[in-house]
Structures are given as structure tokens and as C-alpha cells.
PDB file of N, CA and C in Angstrom:
ATOM      1  N   UNK A   1      97.883 108.964 120.154  1.00  0.00           N
ATOM      2  CA  UNK A   1      96.833 109.042 119.161  1.00  0.00           C
ATOM      3  C   UNK A   1      97.356 109.785 117.956  1.00  0.00           C
ATOM      4  N   UNK A   2      96.892 109.413 116.814  1.00  0.00           N
ATOM      5  CA  UNK A   2      97.303 110.069 115.578  1.00  0.00           C
ATOM      6  C   UNK A   2      96.673 111.464 115.506  1.00  0.00           C
ATOM      7  N   UNK A   3      97.167 112.238 114.588  1.00  0.00           N
ATOM      8  CA  UNK A   3      96.633 113.579 114.342  1.00  0.00           C
ATOM      9  C   UNK A   3      95.733 113.504 113.114  1.00  0.00           C
ATOM     10  N   UNK A   4      94.724 114.343 113.071  1.00  0.00           N
ATOM     11  CA  UNK A   4      93.849 114.441 111.908  1.00  0.00           C
ATOM     12  C   UNK A   4      93.736 115.904 111.505  1.00  0.00           C
ATOM     13  N   UNK A   5      93.363 116.133 110.271  1.00  0.00           N
ATOM     14  CA  UNK A   5      93.150 117.489 109.764  1.00  0.00           C
ATOM     15  C   UNK A   5      91.651 117.667 109.575  1.00  0.00           C
ATOM     16  N   UNK A   6      91.111 118.699 110.164  1.00  0.00           N
ATOM     17  CA  UNK A   6      89.670 118.935 110.085  1.00  0.00           C
ATOM     18  C   UNK A   6      89.314 119.644 108.773  1.00  0.00           C
ATOM     19  N   UNK A   7      88.014 119.731 108.523  1.00  0.00           N
ATOM     20  CA  UNK A   7      87.562 120.380 107.282  1.00  0.00           C
ATOM     21  C   UNK A   7      87.698 121.900 107.335  1.00  0.00           C
ATOM     22  N   UNK A   8      88.249 122.410 108.435  1.00  0.00           N
ATOM     23  CA  UNK A   8      88.560 123.848 108.499  1.00  0.00           C
ATOM     24  C   UNK A   8      89.877 124.171 107.797  1.00  0.00           C
ATOM     25  N   UNK A   9      90.551 123.143 107.291  1.00  0.00           N
ATOM     26  CA  UNK A   9      91.817 123.307 106.577  1.00  0.00           C
ATOM     27  C   UNK A   9      91.633 124.301 105.422  1.00  0.00           C
ATOM     28  N   UNK A  10      92.605 125.211 105.274  1.00  0.00           N
ATOM     29  CA  UNK A  10      92.545 126.204 104.200  1.00  0.00           C
ATOM     30  C   UNK A  10      93.469 125.821 103.030  1.00  0.00           C
ATOM     31  N   UNK A  11      93.988 124.587 103.068  1.00  0.00           N
ATOM     32  CA  UNK A  11      94.855 124.071 102.005  1.00  0.00           C
ATOM     33  C   UNK A  11      96.105 124.913 101.776  1.00  0.00           C
ATOM     34  N   UNK A  12      96.681 125.419 102.849  1.00  0.00           N
ATOM     35  CA  UNK A  12      97.893 126.233 102.696  1.00  0.00           C
ATOM     36  C   UNK A  12      99.127 125.376 102.446  1.00  0.00           C
ATOM     37  N   UNK A  13      99.095 124.114 102.898  1.00  0.00           N
ATOM     38  CA  UNK A  13     100.212 123.212 102.675  1.00  0.00           C
ATOM     39  C   UNK A  13     101.365 123.350 103.642  1.00  0.00           C
ATOM     40  N   UNK A  14     101.237 124.173 104.670  1.00  0.00           N
ATOM     41  CA  UNK A  14     102.335 124.373 105.624  1.00  0.00           C
ATOM     42  C   UNK A  14     102.709 123.089 106.361  1.00  0.00           C
ATOM     43  N   UNK A  15     101.743 122.230 106.584  1.00  0.00           N
ATOM     44  CA  UNK A  15     101.959 121.013 107.361  1.00  0.00           C
ATOM     45  C   UNK A  15     102.744 119.938 106.608  1.00  0.00           C
ATOM     46  N   UNK A  16     102.484 119.800 105.335  1.00  0.00           N
ATOM     47  CA  UNK A  16     103.021 118.668 104.564  1.00  0.00           C
ATOM     48  C   UNK A  16     104.538 118.505 104.665  1.00  0.00           C
ATOM     49  N   UNK A  17     105.341 119.546 104.426  1.00  0.00           N
ATOM     50  CA  UNK A  17     106.788 119.347 104.485  1.00  0.00           C
ATOM     51  C   UNK A  17     107.335 119.140 105.898  1.00  0.00           C
ATOM     52  N   UNK A  18     106.535 119.414 106.906  1.00  0.00           N
ATOM     53  CA  UNK A  18     106.989 119.273 108.291  1.00  0.00           C
ATOM     54  C   UNK A  18     106.923 117.843 108.801  1.00  0.00           C
ATOM     55  N   UNK A  19     106.167 116.978 108.130  1.00  0.00           N
ATOM     56  CA  UNK A  19     105.929 115.618 108.619  1.00  0.00           C
ATOM     57  C   UNK A  19     107.139 114.716 108.375  1.00  0.00           C
ATOM     58  N   UNK A  20     107.751 114.180 109.440  1.00  0.00           N
ATOM     59  CA  UNK A  20     108.921 113.320 109.265  1.00  0.00           C
ATOM     60  C   UNK A  20     108.578 111.936 108.708  1.00  0.00           C
ATOM     61  N   UNK A  21     107.294 111.587 108.688  1.00  0.00           N
ATOM     62  CA  UNK A  21     106.860 110.282 108.189  1.00  0.00           C
ATOM     63  C   UNK A  21     106.205 110.356 106.819  1.00  0.00           C
ATOM     64  N   UNK A  22     106.129 111.534 106.262  1.00  0.00           N
ATOM     65  CA  UNK A  22     105.431 111.748 104.998  1.00  0.00           C
ATOM     66  C   UNK A  22     104.016 111.162 105.079  1.00  0.00           C
ATOM     67  N   UNK A  23     103.330 111.475 106.172  1.00  0.00           N
ATOM     68  CA  UNK A  23     101.969 110.970 106.407  1.00  0.00           C
ATOM     69  C   UNK A  23     100.910 111.969 105.957  1.00  0.00           C
ATOM     70  N   UNK A  24     101.306 113.143 105.497  1.00  0.00           N
ATOM     71  CA  UNK A  24     100.362 114.194 105.108  1.00  0.00           C
ATOM     72  C   UNK A  24     100.361 114.341 103.589  1.00  0.00           C
ATOM     73  N   UNK A  25      99.155 114.346 103.039  1.00  0.00           N
ATOM     74  CA  UNK A  25      98.991 114.434 101.588  1.00  0.00           C
ATOM     75  C   UNK A  25      97.957 115.497 101.234  1.00  0.00           C
ATOM     76  N   UNK A  26      98.134 116.078 100.073  1.00  0.00           N
ATOM     77  CA  UNK A  26      97.161 117.042  99.557  1.00  0.00           C
ATOM     78  C   UNK A  26      95.873 116.306  99.198  1.00  0.00           C
ATOM     79  N   UNK A  27      94.748 116.923  99.469  1.00  0.00           N
ATOM     80  CA  UNK A  27      93.457 116.324  99.152  1.00  0.00           C
ATOM     81  C   UNK A  27      93.393 115.852  97.710  1.00  0.00           C
ATOM     82  N   UNK A  28      92.859 114.651  97.515  1.00  0.00           N
ATOM     83  CA  UNK A  28      92.703 114.097  96.188  1.00  0.00           C
ATOM     84  C   UNK A  28      93.897 113.304  95.680  1.00  0.00           C
ATOM     85  N   UNK A  29      95.050 113.387  96.354  1.00  0.00           N
ATOM     86  CA  UNK A  29      96.235 112.661  95.909  1.00  0.00           C
ATOM     87  C   UNK A  29      96.289 111.277  96.546  1.00  0.00           C
ATOM     88  N   UNK A  30      96.723 110.295  95.762  1.00  0.00           N
ATOM     89  CA  UNK A  30      96.921 108.954  96.289  1.00  0.00           C
ATOM     90  C   UNK A  30      98.155 108.948  97.192  1.00  0.00           C
ATOM     91  N   UNK A  31      98.268 107.911  98.032  1.00  0.00           N
ATOM     92  CA  UNK A  31      99.383 107.807  98.962  1.00  0.00           C
ATOM     93  C   UNK A  31      99.901 106.374  99.003  1.00  0.00           C
ATOM     94  N   UNK A  32     101.147 106.225  99.497  1.00  0.00           N
ATOM     95  CA  UNK A  32     101.791 104.917  99.639  1.00  0.00           C
ATOM     96  C   UNK A  32     102.426 104.822 101.028  1.00  0.00           C
ATOM     97  N   UNK A  33     102.475 103.619 101.560  1.00  0.00           N
ATOM     98  CA  UNK A  33     103.197 103.403 102.817  1.00  0.00           C
ATOM     99  C   UNK A  33     104.679 103.675 102.634  1.00  0.00           C
ATOM    100  N   UNK A  34     105.203 103.430 101.429  1.00  0.00           N
ATOM    101  CA  UNK A  34     106.638 103.604 101.181  1.00  0.00           C
ATOM    102  C   UNK A  34     107.053 105.070 101.076  1.00  0.00           C
ATOM    103  N   UNK A  35     106.124 105.974 100.822  1.00  0.00           N
ATOM    104  CA  UNK A  35     106.469 107.398 100.698  1.00  0.00           C
ATOM    105  C   UNK A  35     107.149 107.892 101.977  1.00  0.00           C
ATOM    106  N   UNK A  36     108.409 108.269 101.873  1.00  0.00           N
ATOM    107  CA  UNK A  36     109.119 108.862 103.003  1.00  0.00           C
ATOM    108  C   UNK A  36     109.464 107.909 104.125  1.00  0.00           C
ATOM    109  N   UNK A  37     109.336 106.607 103.894  1.00  0.00           N
ATOM    110  CA  UNK A  37     109.670 105.622 104.924  1.00  0.00           C
ATOM    111  C   UNK A  37     110.648 104.608 104.348  1.00  0.00           C
ATOM    112  N   UNK A  38     111.046 103.656 105.161  1.00  0.00           N
ATOM    113  CA  UNK A  38     111.919 102.580 104.702  1.00  0.00           C
ATOM    114  C   UNK A  38     111.147 101.362 104.247  1.00  0.00           C
ATOM    115  N   UNK A  39     109.825 101.447 104.195  1.00  0.00           N
ATOM    116  CA  UNK A  39     108.997 100.304 103.831  1.00  0.00           C
ATOM    117  C   UNK A  39     109.035 100.059 102.328  1.00  0.00           C
ATOM    118  N   UNK A  40     109.155  98.794 101.955  1.00  0.00           N
ATOM    119  CA  UNK A  40     109.186  98.399 100.541  1.00  0.00           C
ATOM    120  C   UNK A  40     108.481  97.066 100.396  1.00  0.00           C
ATOM    121  N   UNK A  41     107.820  96.849  99.268  1.00  0.00           N
ATOM    122  CA  UNK A  41     107.193  95.565  98.975  1.00  0.00           C
ATOM    123  C   UNK A  41     106.095  95.211  99.970  1.00  0.00           C
ATOM    124  N   UNK A  42     105.881  93.918 100.160  1.00  0.00           N
ATOM    125  CA  UNK A  42     104.838  93.448 101.081  1.00  0.00           C
ATOM    126  C   UNK A  42     105.323  93.591 102.523  1.00  0.00           C
ATOM    127  N   UNK A  43     104.493  94.208 103.351  1.00  0.00           N
ATOM    128  CA  UNK A  43     104.808  94.396 104.771  1.00  0.00           C
ATOM    129  C   UNK A  43     103.585  94.027 105.597  1.00  0.00           C
ATOM    130  N   UNK A  44     103.820  93.665 106.844  1.00  0.00           N
ATOM    131  CA  UNK A  44     102.728  93.445 107.782  1.00  0.00           C
ATOM    132  C   UNK A  44     102.691  94.662 108.687  1.00  0.00           C
ATOM    133  N   UNK A  45     101.617  95.415 108.608  1.00  0.00           N
ATOM    134  CA  UNK A  45     101.473  96.649 109.374  1.00  0.00           C
ATOM    135  C   UNK A  45     101.339  96.360 110.861  1.00  0.00           C
ATOM    136  N   UNK A  46     101.470  97.381 111.680  1.00  0.00           N
ATOM    137  CA  UNK A  46     101.352  97.244 113.133  1.00  0.00           C
ATOM    138  C   UNK A  46      99.993  96.652 113.521  1.00  0.00           C
ATOM    139  N   UNK A  47      98.991  96.863 112.697  1.00  0.00           N
ATOM    140  CA  UNK A  47      97.648  96.342 112.958  1.00  0.00           C
ATOM    141  C   UNK A  47      97.530  94.864 112.614  1.00  0.00           C
ATOM    142  N   UNK A  48      98.581  94.298 111.988  1.00  0.00           N
ATOM    143  CA  UNK A  48      98.555  92.902 111.587  1.00  0.00           C
ATOM    144  C   UNK A  48      98.098  92.685 110.158  1.00  0.00           C
ATOM    145  N   UNK A  49      97.702  93.741 109.489  1.00  0.00           N
ATOM    146  CA  UNK A  49      97.226  93.666 108.112  1.00  0.00           C
ATOM    147  C   UNK A  49      98.418  93.663 107.154  1.00  0.00           C
ATOM    148  N   UNK A  50      98.373  92.782 106.157  1.00  0.00           N
ATOM    149  CA  UNK A  50      99.420  92.755 105.126  1.00  0.00           C
ATOM    150  C   UNK A  50      99.089  93.803 104.068  1.00  0.00           C
ATOM    151  N   UNK A  51     100.115  94.529 103.613  1.00  0.00           N
ATOM    152  CA  UNK A  51      99.909  95.576 102.608  1.00  0.00           C
ATOM    153  C   UNK A  51     101.133  95.675 101.716  1.00  0.00           C
ATOM    154  N   UNK A  52     100.901  96.101 100.481  1.00  0.00           N
ATOM    155  CA  UNK A  52     101.987  96.387  99.554  1.00  0.00           C
ATOM    156  C   UNK A  52     102.387  97.841  99.780  1.00  0.00           C
ATOM    157  N   UNK A  53     103.572  98.042 100.329  1.00  0.00           N
ATOM    158  CA  UNK A  53     104.029  99.392 100.672  1.00  0.00           C
ATOM    159  C   UNK A  53     104.165 100.293  99.457  1.00  0.00           C
ATOM    160  N   UNK A  54     104.327  99.704  98.278  1.00  0.00           N
ATOM    161  CA  UNK A  54     104.540 100.489  97.062  1.00  0.00           C
ATOM    162  C   UNK A  54     103.267 100.737  96.260  1.00  0.00           C
ATOM    163  N   UNK A  55     102.148 100.231  96.740  1.00  0.00           N
ATOM    164  CA  UNK A  55     100.868 100.368  96.034  1.00  0.00           C
ATOM    165  C   UNK A  55     100.234 101.730  96.327  1.00  0.00           C
ATOM    166  N   UNK A  56      99.678 102.341  95.287  1.00  0.00           N
ATOM    167  CA  UNK A  56      98.923 103.580  95.475  1.00  0.00           C
ATOM    168  C   UNK A  56      97.621 103.266  96.197  1.00  0.00           C
ATOM    169  N   UNK A  57      97.300 104.073  97.207  1.00  0.00           N
ATOM    170  CA  UNK A  57      96.056 103.943  97.959  1.00  0.00           C
ATOM    171  C   UNK A  57      95.157 105.135  97.678  1.00  0.00           C
ATOM    172  N   UNK A  58      93.872 104.908  97.795  1.00  0.00           N
ATOM    173  CA  UNK A  58      92.885 105.966  97.564  1.00  0.00           C
ATOM    174  C   UNK A  58      93.087 107.123  98.546  1.00  0.00           C
ATOM    175  N   UNK A  59      92.844 108.348  98.106  1.00  0.00           N
ATOM    176  CA  UNK A  59      92.941 109.494  99.014  1.00  0.00           C
ATOM    177  C   UNK A  59      91.978 109.344 100.192  1.00  0.00           C
ATOM    178  N   UNK A  60      92.408 109.797 101.354  1.00  0.00           N
ATOM    179  CA  UNK A  60      91.556 109.777 102.542  1.00  0.00           C
ATOM    180  C   UNK A  60      90.532 110.905 102.453  1.00  0.00           C
ATOM    181  N   UNK A  61      90.914 111.997 101.812  1.00  0.00           N
ATOM    182  CA  UNK A  61      90.027 113.152 101.639  1.00  0.00           C
ATOM    183  C   UNK A  61      90.263 113.716 100.241  1.00  0.00           C
ATOM    184  N   UNK A  62      89.214 114.169  99.627  1.00  0.00           N
ATOM    185  CA  UNK A  62      89.344 114.716  98.273  1.00  0.00           C
ATOM    186  C   UNK A  62      89.507 116.236  98.257  1.00  0.00           C
ATOM    187  N   UNK A  63      89.124 116.909  99.338  1.00  0.00           N
ATOM    188  CA  UNK A  63      89.056 118.366  99.330  1.00  0.00           C
ATOM    189  C   UNK A  63      90.173 119.073 100.086  1.00  0.00           C
ATOM    190  N   UNK A  64      90.611 118.512 101.206  1.00  0.00           N
ATOM    191  CA  UNK A  64      91.627 119.178 102.030  1.00  0.00           C
ATOM    192  C   UNK A  64      92.776 118.210 102.309  1.00  0.00           C
ATOM    193  N   UNK A  65      93.883 118.761 102.769  1.00  0.00           N
ATOM    194  CA  UNK A  65      95.018 117.929 103.170  1.00  0.00           C
ATOM    195  C   UNK A  65      94.525 116.899 104.174  1.00  0.00           C
ATOM    196  N   UNK A  66      95.186 115.734 104.190  1.00  0.00           N
ATOM    197  CA  UNK A  66      94.796 114.685 105.126  1.00  0.00           C
ATOM    198  C   UNK A  66      96.029 113.969 105.653  1.00  0.00           C
ATOM    199  N   UNK A  67      95.850 113.283 106.770  1.00  0.00           N
ATOM    200  CA  UNK A  67      96.923 112.525 107.412  1.00  0.00           C
ATOM    201  C   UNK A  67      96.555 111.048 107.370  1.00  0.00           C
ATOM    202  N   UNK A  68      97.486 110.221 106.920  1.00  0.00           N
ATOM    203  CA  UNK A  68      97.302 108.771 106.939  1.00  0.00           C
ATOM    204  C   UNK A  68      97.641 108.311 108.350  1.00  0.00           C
ATOM    205  N   UNK A  69      96.630 107.895 109.092  1.00  0.00           N
ATOM    206  CA  UNK A  69      96.819 107.553 110.499  1.00  0.00           C
ATOM    207  C   UNK A  69      97.809 106.402 110.697  1.00  0.00           C
ATOM    208  N   UNK A  70      97.883 105.466 109.754  1.00  0.00           N
ATOM    209  CA  UNK A  70      98.832 104.354 109.874  1.00  0.00           C
ATOM    210  C   UNK A  70     100.280 104.813 109.773  1.00  0.00           C
ATOM    211  N   UNK A  71     100.507 106.030 109.296  1.00  0.00           N
ATOM    212  CA  UNK A  71     101.865 106.556 109.172  1.00  0.00           C
ATOM    213  C   UNK A  71     102.167 107.642 110.204  1.00  0.00           C
ATOM    214  N   UNK A  72     101.149 108.154 110.875  1.00  0.00           N
ATOM    215  CA  UNK A  72     101.337 109.253 111.827  1.00  0.00           C
ATOM    216  C   UNK A  72     101.850 108.742 113.170  1.00  0.00           C
ATOM    217  N   UNK A  73     102.936 109.347 113.642  1.00  0.00           N
ATOM    218  CA  UNK A  73     103.495 109.008 114.960  1.00  0.00           C
ATOM    219  C   UNK A  73     103.444 110.210 115.904  1.00  0.00           C
ATOM    220  N   UNK A  74     102.682 111.226 115.552  1.00  0.00           N
ATOM    221  CA  UNK A  74     102.639 112.473 116.327  1.00  0.00           C
ATOM    222  C   UNK A  74     104.035 113.051 116.509  1.00  0.00           C
ATOM    223  N   UNK A  75     104.929 112.728 115.590  1.00  0.00           N
ATOM    224  CA  UNK A  75     106.321 113.178 115.596  1.00  0.00           C
ATOM    225  C   UNK A  75     107.134 112.606 116.763  1.00  0.00           C
ATOM    226  N   UNK A  76     106.599 111.571 117.431  1.00  0.00           N
ATOM    227  CA  UNK A  76     107.339 110.925 118.518  1.00  0.00           C
ATOM    228  C   UNK A  76     108.668 110.404 117.985  1.00  0.00           C
ATOM    229  N   UNK A  77     109.746 110.665 118.726  1.00  0.00           N
ATOM    230  CA  UNK A  77     111.070 110.238 118.312  1.00  0.00           C
ATOM    231  C   UNK A  77     111.746 111.206 117.358  1.00  0.00           C
ATOM    232  N   UNK A  78     111.020 112.216 116.925  1.00  0.00           N
ATOM    233  CA  UNK A  78     111.572 113.235 116.031  1.00  0.00           C
ATOM    234  C   UNK A  78     111.549 114.620 116.679  1.00  0.00           C
ATOM    235  N   UNK A  79     110.383 114.991 117.231  1.00  0.00           N
ATOM    236  CA  UNK A  79     110.176 116.332 117.780  1.00  0.00           C
ATOM    237  C   UNK A  79     109.405 116.251 119.091  1.00  0.00           C
ATOM    238  N   UNK A  80     109.399 117.328 119.824  1.00  0.00           N
ATOM    239  CA  UNK A  80     108.692 117.397 121.104  1.00  0.00           C
ATOM    240  C   UNK A  80     107.178 117.457 120.956  1.00  0.00           C
ATOM    241  N   UNK A  81     106.712 117.932 119.792  1.00  0.00           N
ATOM    242  CA  UNK A  81     105.274 118.069 119.554  1.00  0.00           C
ATOM    243  C   UNK A  81     104.994 117.822 118.077  1.00  0.00           C
ATOM    244  N   UNK A  82     103.751 117.492 117.740  1.00  0.00           N
ATOM    245  CA  UNK A  82     103.408 117.305 116.330  1.00  0.00           C
ATOM    246  C   UNK A  82     103.672 118.587 115.538  1.00  0.00           C
ATOM    247  N   UNK A  83     104.520 118.471 114.543  1.00  0.00           N
ATOM    248  CA  UNK A  83     104.922 119.650 113.776  1.00  0.00           C
ATOM    249  C   UNK A  83     103.807 120.204 112.912  1.00  0.00           C
ATOM    250  N   UNK A  84     102.901 119.349 112.443  1.00  0.00           N
ATOM    251  CA  UNK A  84     101.779 119.845 111.636  1.00  0.00           C
ATOM    252  C   UNK A  84     100.932 120.812 112.458  1.00  0.00           C
ATOM    253  N   UNK A  85     100.669 120.443 113.705  1.00  0.00           N
ATOM    254  CA  UNK A  85      99.871 121.303 114.576  1.00  0.00           C
ATOM    255  C   UNK A  85     100.626 122.587 114.918  1.00  0.00           C
ATOM    256  N   UNK A  86     101.933 122.475 115.069  1.00  0.00           N
ATOM    257  CA  UNK A  86     102.744 123.642 115.434  1.00  0.00           C
ATOM    258  C   UNK A  86     102.751 124.709 114.343  1.00  0.00           C
ATOM    259  N   UNK A  87     102.692 124.285 113.069  1.00  0.00           N
ATOM    260  CA  UNK A  87     102.769 125.256 111.976  1.00  0.00           C
ATOM    261  C   UNK A  87     101.422 125.633 111.379  1.00  0.00           C
ATOM    262  N   UNK A  88     100.354 124.945 111.752  1.00  0.00           N
ATOM    263  CA  UNK A  88      99.043 125.191 111.148  1.00  0.00           C
ATOM    264  C   UNK A  88      98.504 126.568 111.556  1.00  0.00           C
ATOM    265  N   UNK A  89      98.236 127.431 110.571  1.00  0.00           N
ATOM    266  CA  UNK A  89      97.758 128.779 110.900  1.00  0.00           C
ATOM    267  C   UNK A  89      96.303 128.837 111.362  1.00  0.00           C
ATOM    268  N   UNK A  90      95.540 127.758 111.155  1.00  0.00           N
ATOM    269  CA  UNK A  90      94.130 127.776 111.552  1.00  0.00           C
ATOM    270  C   UNK A  90      93.803 126.701 112.587  1.00  0.00           C
ATOM    271  N   UNK A  91      94.835 126.080 113.159  1.00  0.00           N
ATOM    272  CA  UNK A  91      94.666 125.078 114.228  1.00  0.00           C
ATOM    273  C   UNK A  91      93.711 123.948 113.850  1.00  0.00           C
ATOM    274  N   UNK A  92      93.854 123.416 112.636  1.00  0.00           N
ATOM    275  CA  UNK A  92      92.974 122.323 112.222  1.00  0.00           C
ATOM    276  C   UNK A  92      93.644 120.957 112.320  1.00  0.00           C
ATOM    277  N   UNK A  93      94.870 120.889 112.810  1.00  0.00           N
ATOM    278  CA  UNK A  93      95.551 119.612 113.051  1.00  0.00           C
ATOM    279  C   UNK A  93      95.346 119.268 114.524  1.00  0.00           C
ATOM    280  N   UNK A  94      94.474 118.306 114.762  1.00  0.00           N
ATOM    281  CA  UNK A  94      94.068 117.974 116.131  1.00  0.00           C
ATOM    282  C   UNK A  94      94.199 116.473 116.376  1.00  0.00           C
ATOM    283  N   UNK A  95      94.100 116.070 117.646  1.00  0.00           N
ATOM    284  CA  UNK A  95      94.120 114.654 117.989  1.00  0.00           C
ATOM    285  C   UNK A  95      92.954 113.941 117.325  1.00  0.00           C
ATOM    286  N   UNK A  96      93.231 112.755 116.802  1.00  0.00           N
ATOM    287  CA  UNK A  96      92.206 111.941 116.145  1.00  0.00           C
ATOM    288  C   UNK A  96      91.658 110.936 117.154  1.00  0.00           C
ATOM    289  N   UNK A  97      90.435 111.158 117.651  1.00  0.00           N
ATOM    290  CA  UNK A  97      89.883 110.267 118.674  1.00  0.00           C
ATOM    291  C   UNK A  97      89.630 108.845 118.170  1.00  0.00           C
ATOM    292  N   UNK A  98      89.645 108.642 116.861  1.00  0.00           N
ATOM    293  CA  UNK A  98      89.434 107.302 116.301  1.00  0.00           C
ATOM    294  C   UNK A  98      90.720 106.485 116.211  1.00  0.00           C
ATOM    295  N   UNK A  99      91.861 107.112 116.511  1.00  0.00           N
ATOM    296  CA  UNK A  99      93.152 106.425 116.425  1.00  0.00           C
ATOM    297  C   UNK A  99      93.997 106.752 117.659  1.00  0.00           C
ATOM    298  N   UNK A 100      93.590 106.203 118.791  1.00  0.00           N
ATOM    299  CA  UNK A 100      94.282 106.440 120.055  1.00  0.00           C
ATOM    300  C   UNK A 100      95.448 105.459 120.185  1.00  0.00           C
ATOM    301  N   UNK A 101      96.650 105.980 120.423  1.00  0.00           N
ATOM    302  CA  UNK A 101      97.845 105.159 120.592  1.00  0.00           C
ATOM    303  C   UNK A 101      98.686 105.723 121.724  1.00  0.00           C
ATOM    304  N   UNK A 102      99.388 104.838 122.426  1.00  0.00           N
ATOM    305  CA  UNK A 102     100.275 105.269 123.499  1.00  0.00           C
ATOM    306  C   UNK A 102     101.590 105.770 122.897  1.00  0.00           C
ATOM    307  N   UNK A 103     102.391 106.430 123.711  1.00  0.00           N
ATOM    308  CA  UNK A 103     103.699 106.883 123.255  1.00  0.00           C
ATOM    309  C   UNK A 103     104.538 105.681 122.814  1.00  0.00           C
ATOM    310  N   UNK A 104     104.449 104.587 123.548  1.00  0.00           N
ATOM    311  CA  UNK A 104     105.190 103.376 123.198  1.00  0.00           C
ATOM    312  C   UNK A 104     104.762 102.838 121.826  1.00  0.00           C
ATOM    313  N   UNK A 105     103.464 102.829 121.558  1.00  0.00           N
ATOM    314  CA  UNK A 105     102.969 102.366 120.263  1.00  0.00           C
ATOM    315  C   UNK A 105     103.438 103.282 119.137  1.00  0.00           C
ATOM    316  N   UNK A 106     103.421 104.595 119.376  1.00  0.00           N
ATOM    317  CA  UNK A 106     103.860 105.554 118.362  1.00  0.00           C
ATOM    318  C   UNK A 106     105.351 105.384 118.064  1.00  0.00           C
ATOM    319  N   UNK A 107     106.159 105.159 119.098  1.00  0.00           N
ATOM    320  CA  UNK A 107     107.594 104.951 118.898  1.00  0.00           C
ATOM    321  C   UNK A 107     107.864 103.626 118.176  1.00  0.00           C
ATOM    322  N   UNK A 108     107.068 102.612 118.465  1.00  0.00           N
ATOM    323  CA  UNK A 108     107.188 101.332 117.745  1.00  0.00           C
ATOM    324  C   UNK A 108     106.853 101.509 116.275  1.00  0.00           C
ATOM    325  N   UNK A 109     105.812 102.292 115.996  1.00  0.00           N
ATOM    326  CA  UNK A 109     105.430 102.568 114.611  1.00  0.00           C
ATOM    327  C   UNK A 109     106.561 103.304 113.893  1.00  0.00           C
ATOM    328  N   UNK A 110     107.172 104.262 114.565  1.00  0.00           N
ATOM    329  CA  UNK A 110     108.298 105.012 113.986  1.00  0.00           C
ATOM    330  C   UNK A 110     109.428 104.045 113.639  1.00  0.00           C
ATOM    331  N   UNK A 111     109.782 103.159 114.567  1.00  0.00           N
ATOM    332  CA  UNK A 111     110.863 102.205 114.334  1.00  0.00           C
ATOM    333  C   UNK A 111     110.527 101.280 113.179  1.00  0.00           C
ATOM    334  N   UNK A 112     109.292 100.849 113.093  1.00  0.00           N
ATOM    335  CA  UNK A 112     108.847  99.966 112.027  1.00  0.00           C
ATOM    336  C   UNK A 112     108.977 100.647 110.658  1.00  0.00           C
ATOM    337  N   UNK A 113     108.573 101.891 110.566  1.00  0.00           N
ATOM    338  CA  UNK A 113     108.592 102.589 109.278  1.00  0.00           C
ATOM    339  C   UNK A 113     109.967 103.034 108.845  1.00  0.00           C
ATOM    340  N   UNK A 114     110.830 103.322 109.819  1.00  0.00           N
ATOM    341  CA  UNK A 114     112.158 103.849 109.506  1.00  0.00           C
ATOM    342  C   UNK A 114     113.207 102.835 109.964  1.00  0.00           C
ATOM    343  N   UNK A 115     113.219 101.710 109.281  1.00  0.00           N
ATOM    344  CA  UNK A 115     114.093 100.569 109.622  1.00  0.00           C
ATOM    345  C   UNK A 115     115.513 100.967 109.894  1.00  0.00           C
TER     346      UNK A 115
END
């Protein structure tokens, strides 16, 4: 399952540089699938949806840091545990019950993003 940042976030920014997939963004900032990945141009996401990897997308949250679930692999294939949760001083990086994925799915997502 992907990780999410709750509204208890204090906007310290400790999590953002720790993400190997560049899936964490400051509240209010647009994001791209290509940010920090090998994705370029038109791609078919793991969900089967076609997307322009270089297109700016609307922020997921306007007030606090947020995680793009389509880019989050819970650090599978990189680290033993999600690094955002490991460094968060207020424990607001938690499992996202709306985006449940197996370890195999997370590793496939990692391989897809980092060609």
C-alpha cells in the first residue's frame, strides 16, 4: 500500500528529499510523473491509464506536503522501510488504506518508473 501524509503534517520538509521516487511534494506545488523517474512522454501507467509523464498535474493537497500514490513504492527495492515515515518527526506518514498494493506490485511499479 502507498503511504499518505496526514493533515497533522507540520510542513518541515524532512520527508521530501528521502523519497527515492520523488513522490513527495510541498503542498500547493504541481507534480509530474517524470520528476525523479525515467518516465518521459506518453506512458501507460500500472493502472492502465495513459498519461503524459512531462505534464504538470494539479497538487494533491494545497496546505501540507503530499505523496503521489501512483509514484509511491513504500521504498520497496530501495530501503527496508518507507523513509518518509522513518524521518517524520510527527509520525504523519502512514499507510494509505485507499491504495493497497502487494510487495510484488510495488516492486513492479519501481521497475516501471526506473527503467
